[in-house]
Amino acid sequence: MALQEIANRIQSGLSDKSFDGSLKFDCGDDGVIVLADNTATTQDRDTDCTIRISQDNLVKLLTGKLNPMTGVAMGKLKISGNMGVAMKLGSLLG
């Protein structure tokens, strides 16, 4: 699944929810997905919070196959910046 396709799926999920703050999924060489202003885009920018994660694990996270806390504990994702923004992600995806 391409990052743009993942961003599109996140975007459709945002349609009836609001997300305060900005968050970036940094997938290294594969690129980024930025959630900000109730949009999901692959355009890189500064954000309140950054989650470093492989594209493979990002798909698992978004489909419920990877628990965020387990992912952090296992080193599959690293969170930097505003943890409060990262915590809001759960309600957004749920």
N, C-alpha and C. Protein backbone atom coordinates (compact mmCIF):
# COMPACT_ATOMS: atom_id res chain seq x y z
N MET A 1 0.85 -1.19 0.00
CA MET A 1 0.00 0.00 0.00
C MET A 1 0.89 1.25 0.00
N ALA A 2 0.65 2.14 -0.92
CA ALA A 2 1.45 3.36 -1.03
C ALA A 2 1.06 4.35 0.06
N LEU A 3 2.02 5.22 0.43
CA LEU A 3 1.74 6.22 1.47
C LEU A 3 0.57 7.11 1.09
N GLN A 4 0.45 7.46 -0.18
CA GLN A 4 -0.66 8.33 -0.59
C GLN A 4 -1.99 7.62 -0.35
N GLU A 5 -2.03 6.32 -0.61
CA GLU A 5 -3.25 5.55 -0.38
C GLU A 5 -3.58 5.50 1.11
N ILE A 6 -2.55 5.34 1.95
CA ILE A 6 -2.75 5.35 3.40
C ILE A 6 -3.28 6.73 3.82
N ALA A 7 -2.67 7.79 3.30
CA ALA A 7 -3.12 9.15 3.62
C ALA A 7 -4.58 9.35 3.21
N ASN A 8 -4.95 8.82 2.05
CA ASN A 8 -6.33 8.94 1.57
C ASN A 8 -7.30 8.24 2.52
N ARG A 9 -6.89 7.06 3.02
CA ARG A 9 -7.75 6.33 3.96
C ARG A 9 -7.90 7.09 5.27
N ILE A 10 -6.79 7.66 5.75
CA ILE A 10 -6.85 8.46 6.98
C ILE A 10 -7.76 9.66 6.75
N GLN A 11 -7.61 10.30 5.58
CA GLN A 11 -8.42 11.46 5.24
C GLN A 11 -9.91 11.11 5.28
N SER A 12 -10.29 9.99 4.72
CA SER A 12 -11.71 9.62 4.73
C SER A 12 -12.19 9.35 6.16
N GLY A 13 -11.30 8.86 7.02
CA GLY A 13 -11.64 8.64 8.41
C GLY A 13 -11.79 9.93 9.20
N LEU A 14 -11.16 10.99 8.71
CA LEU A 14 -11.22 12.29 9.40
C LEU A 14 -12.51 13.05 9.11
N SER A 15 -13.25 12.61 8.12
CA SER A 15 -14.38 13.40 7.64
C SER A 15 -15.39 13.74 8.73
N ASP A 16 -15.62 12.85 9.69
CA ASP A 16 -16.61 13.13 10.72
C ASP A 16 -15.99 13.32 12.11
N LYS A 17 -14.68 13.54 12.14
CA LYS A 17 -13.99 13.74 13.41
C LYS A 17 -13.12 14.98 13.33
N SER A 18 -12.78 15.53 14.49
CA SER A 18 -11.85 16.66 14.47
C SER A 18 -10.59 16.25 15.22
N PHE A 19 -9.47 16.74 14.76
CA PHE A 19 -8.17 16.41 15.34
C PHE A 19 -7.43 17.71 15.59
N ASP A 20 -7.23 18.02 16.87
CA ASP A 20 -6.51 19.23 17.23
C ASP A 20 -5.02 18.94 17.27
N GLY A 21 -4.24 19.87 16.76
CA GLY A 21 -2.80 19.69 16.76
C GLY A 21 -2.34 19.13 15.43
N SER A 22 -1.06 18.81 15.36
CA SER A 22 -0.52 18.25 14.13
C SER A 22 0.40 17.09 14.48
N LEU A 23 0.38 16.10 13.61
CA LEU A 23 1.10 14.85 13.86
C LEU A 23 1.73 14.37 12.56
N LYS A 24 2.93 13.86 12.66
CA LYS A 24 3.60 13.34 11.46
C LYS A 24 3.98 11.88 11.69
N PHE A 25 3.62 11.03 10.74
CA PHE A 25 4.14 9.66 10.68
C PHE A 25 5.36 9.73 9.77
N ASP A 26 6.53 9.50 10.35
CA ASP A 26 7.77 9.54 9.58
C ASP A 26 8.17 8.10 9.25
N CYS A 27 8.03 7.74 7.99
CA CYS A 27 8.35 6.39 7.54
C CYS A 27 9.72 6.33 6.86
N GLY A 28 10.61 7.23 7.25
CA GLY A 28 11.97 7.21 6.72
C GLY A 28 12.01 7.44 5.23
N ASP A 29 12.70 6.57 4.51
CA ASP A 29 12.86 6.71 3.06
C ASP A 29 11.55 6.59 2.30
N ASP A 30 10.54 5.97 2.93
CA ASP A 30 9.24 5.82 2.26
C ASP A 30 8.46 7.12 2.22
N GLY A 31 8.80 8.07 3.11
CA GLY A 31 8.11 9.35 3.12
C GLY A 31 7.40 9.61 4.43
N VAL A 32 6.49 10.58 4.40
CA VAL A 32 5.76 10.98 5.61
C VAL A 32 4.27 11.10 5.31
N ILE A 33 3.48 11.01 6.38
CA ILE A 33 2.07 11.38 6.33
C ILE A 33 1.88 12.38 7.46
N VAL A 34 1.34 13.54 7.13
CA VAL A 34 1.12 14.59 8.11
C VAL A 34 -0.38 14.78 8.30
N LEU A 35 -0.81 14.73 9.57
CA LEU A 35 -2.19 15.04 9.93
C LEU A 35 -2.19 16.42 10.54
N ALA A 36 -2.88 17.36 9.91
CA ALA A 36 -2.96 18.73 10.42
C ALA A 36 -4.16 19.40 9.76
N ASP A 37 -4.81 20.28 10.50
CA ASP A 37 -5.95 21.03 9.95
C ASP A 37 -7.01 20.10 9.37
N ASN A 38 -7.22 18.96 10.02
CA ASN A 38 -8.20 17.95 9.59
C ASN A 38 -7.96 17.42 8.18
N THR A 39 -6.69 17.39 7.78
CA THR A 39 -6.34 16.78 6.50
C THR A 39 -5.16 15.84 6.71
N ALA A 40 -5.07 14.87 5.84
CA ALA A 40 -3.93 13.95 5.82
C ALA A 40 -3.22 14.15 4.50
N THR A 41 -1.94 14.42 4.55
CA THR A 41 -1.18 14.72 3.33
C THR A 41 0.20 14.06 3.41
N THR A 42 0.83 13.91 2.27
CA THR A 42 2.19 13.37 2.23
C THR A 42 3.21 14.49 2.10
N GLN A 43 2.76 15.74 2.29
CA GLN A 43 3.66 16.89 2.25
C GLN A 43 4.32 17.07 3.61
N ASP A 44 5.64 17.04 3.66
CA ASP A 44 6.36 17.16 4.93
C ASP A 44 6.27 18.58 5.47
N ARG A 45 6.17 18.70 6.79
CA ARG A 45 6.18 19.99 7.46
C ARG A 45 6.46 19.75 8.94
N ASP A 46 6.73 20.82 9.68
CA ASP A 46 6.92 20.70 11.12
C ASP A 46 5.58 20.40 11.78
N THR A 47 5.60 19.51 12.79
CA THR A 47 4.38 19.14 13.49
C THR A 47 4.62 19.14 15.00
N ASP A 48 3.51 19.11 15.76
CA ASP A 48 3.60 19.08 17.22
C ASP A 48 4.20 17.76 17.71
N CYS A 49 3.96 16.71 16.97
CA CYS A 49 4.38 15.38 17.39
C CYS A 49 4.82 14.58 16.16
N THR A 50 5.86 13.78 16.32
CA THR A 50 6.34 12.92 15.23
C THR A 50 6.37 11.48 15.72
N ILE A 51 5.83 10.59 14.91
CA ILE A 51 5.90 9.16 15.19
C ILE A 51 6.75 8.53 14.09
N ARG A 52 7.90 7.98 14.50
CA ARG A 52 8.76 7.29 13.55
C ARG A 52 8.34 5.83 13.52
N ILE A 53 7.98 5.37 12.33
CA ILE A 53 7.43 4.03 12.20
C ILE A 53 7.65 3.55 10.77
N SER A 54 7.83 2.25 10.58
CA SER A 54 7.96 1.74 9.21
C SER A 54 6.59 1.78 8.54
N GLN A 55 6.60 1.85 7.23
CA GLN A 55 5.33 1.90 6.49
C GLN A 55 4.52 0.64 6.79
N ASP A 56 5.18 -0.50 6.87
CA ASP A 56 4.53 -1.77 7.18
C ASP A 56 3.83 -1.72 8.53
N ASN A 57 4.54 -1.22 9.55
CA ASN A 57 3.95 -1.13 10.88
C ASN A 57 2.87 -0.05 10.96
N LEU A 58 2.98 0.98 10.13
CA LEU A 58 1.95 2.02 10.09
C LEU A 58 0.63 1.41 9.63
N VAL A 59 0.69 0.59 8.59
CA VAL A 59 -0.51 -0.08 8.09
C VAL A 59 -1.11 -0.96 9.20
N LYS A 60 -0.25 -1.68 9.92
CA LYS A 60 -0.72 -2.53 11.02
C LYS A 60 -1.35 -1.69 12.12
N LEU A 61 -0.74 -0.55 12.42
CA LEU A 61 -1.26 0.35 13.46
C LEU A 61 -2.65 0.85 13.07
N LEU A 62 -2.81 1.27 11.83
CA LEU A 62 -4.07 1.86 11.36
C LEU A 62 -5.16 0.83 11.18
N THR A 63 -4.79 -0.44 11.01
CA THR A 63 -5.80 -1.49 10.83
C THR A 63 -6.06 -2.24 12.13
N GLY A 64 -5.46 -1.77 13.22
CA GLY A 64 -5.72 -2.38 14.52
C GLY A 64 -4.92 -3.64 14.80
N LYS A 65 -3.95 -3.95 13.95
CA LYS A 65 -3.15 -5.15 14.15
C LYS A 65 -1.91 -4.89 15.00
N LEU A 66 -1.65 -3.60 15.27
CA LEU A 66 -0.53 -3.24 16.14
C LEU A 66 -1.05 -2.26 17.19
N ASN A 67 -0.98 -2.65 18.44
CA ASN A 67 -1.38 -1.79 19.54
C ASN A 67 -0.30 -0.72 19.72
N PRO A 68 -0.68 0.56 19.82
CA PRO A 68 0.32 1.62 19.94
C PRO A 68 1.27 1.45 21.13
N MET A 69 0.73 1.08 22.28
CA MET A 69 1.58 0.92 23.47
C MET A 69 2.54 -0.25 23.30
N THR A 70 2.04 -1.34 22.74
CA THR A 70 2.88 -2.50 22.46
C THR A 70 3.96 -2.12 21.45
N GLY A 71 3.57 -1.34 20.44
CA GLY A 71 4.52 -0.90 19.42
C GLY A 71 5.66 -0.10 20.01
N VAL A 72 5.33 0.80 20.95
CA VAL A 72 6.36 1.60 21.62
C VAL A 72 7.26 0.69 22.45
N ALA A 73 6.64 -0.20 23.22
CA ALA A 73 7.40 -1.10 24.09
C ALA A 73 8.35 -2.00 23.30
N MET A 74 7.91 -2.41 22.10
CA MET A 74 8.72 -3.30 21.28
C MET A 74 9.68 -2.53 20.36
N GLY A 75 9.64 -1.20 20.43
CA GLY A 75 10.53 -0.40 19.59
C GLY A 75 10.10 -0.30 18.14
N LYS A 76 8.85 -0.65 17.85
CA LYS A 76 8.36 -0.59 16.47
C LYS A 76 7.96 0.82 16.08
N LEU A 77 7.73 1.68 17.08
CA LEU A 77 7.47 3.08 16.78
C LEU A 77 8.06 3.94 17.90
N LYS A 78 8.51 5.12 17.50
CA LYS A 78 9.10 6.05 18.45
C LYS A 78 8.35 7.37 18.34
N ILE A 79 7.96 7.90 19.50
CA ILE A 79 7.19 9.13 19.53
C ILE A 79 8.07 10.25 20.07
N SER A 80 8.08 11.38 19.39
CA SER A 80 8.80 12.55 19.89
C SER A 80 7.89 13.76 19.78
N GLY A 81 8.12 14.74 20.65
CA GLY A 81 7.28 15.93 20.63
C GLY A 81 6.17 15.82 21.65
N ASN A 82 5.03 16.39 21.32
CA ASN A 82 3.89 16.49 22.23
C ASN A 82 3.15 15.15 22.35
N MET A 83 3.32 14.49 23.51
CA MET A 83 2.68 13.19 23.72
C MET A 83 1.15 13.31 23.75
N GLY A 84 0.64 14.46 24.18
CA GLY A 84 -0.81 14.67 24.22
C GLY A 84 -1.44 14.51 22.84
N VAL A 85 -0.74 14.99 21.82
CA VAL A 85 -1.24 14.87 20.45
C VAL A 85 -1.25 13.40 20.05
N ALA A 86 -0.20 12.67 20.42
CA ALA A 86 -0.13 11.24 20.10
C ALA A 86 -1.28 10.49 20.77
N MET A 87 -1.62 10.87 21.99
CA MET A 87 -2.69 10.20 22.72
C MET A 87 -4.05 10.42 22.04
N LYS A 88 -4.25 11.56 21.41
CA LYS A 88 -5.50 11.84 20.71
C LYS A 88 -5.67 10.94 19.50
N LEU A 89 -4.58 10.42 19.00
CA LEU A 89 -4.63 9.59 17.81
C LEU A 89 -5.50 8.36 18.03
N GLY A 90 -5.44 7.79 19.24
CA GLY A 90 -6.24 6.61 19.54
C GLY A 90 -7.72 6.84 19.31
N SER A 91 -8.25 7.97 19.78
CA SER A 91 -9.67 8.24 19.59
C SER A 91 -9.99 8.52 18.14
N LEU A 92 -9.02 9.05 17.43
CA LEU A 92 -9.20 9.36 16.02
C LEU A 92 -9.30 8.07 15.19
N LEU A 93 -8.43 7.10 15.50
CA LEU A 93 -8.40 5.86 14.75
C LEU A 93 -9.49 4.89 15.19
N GLY A 94 -9.90 5.03 16.46
CA GLY A 94 -10.87 4.09 17.02
C GLY A 94 -12.23 4.30 16.51
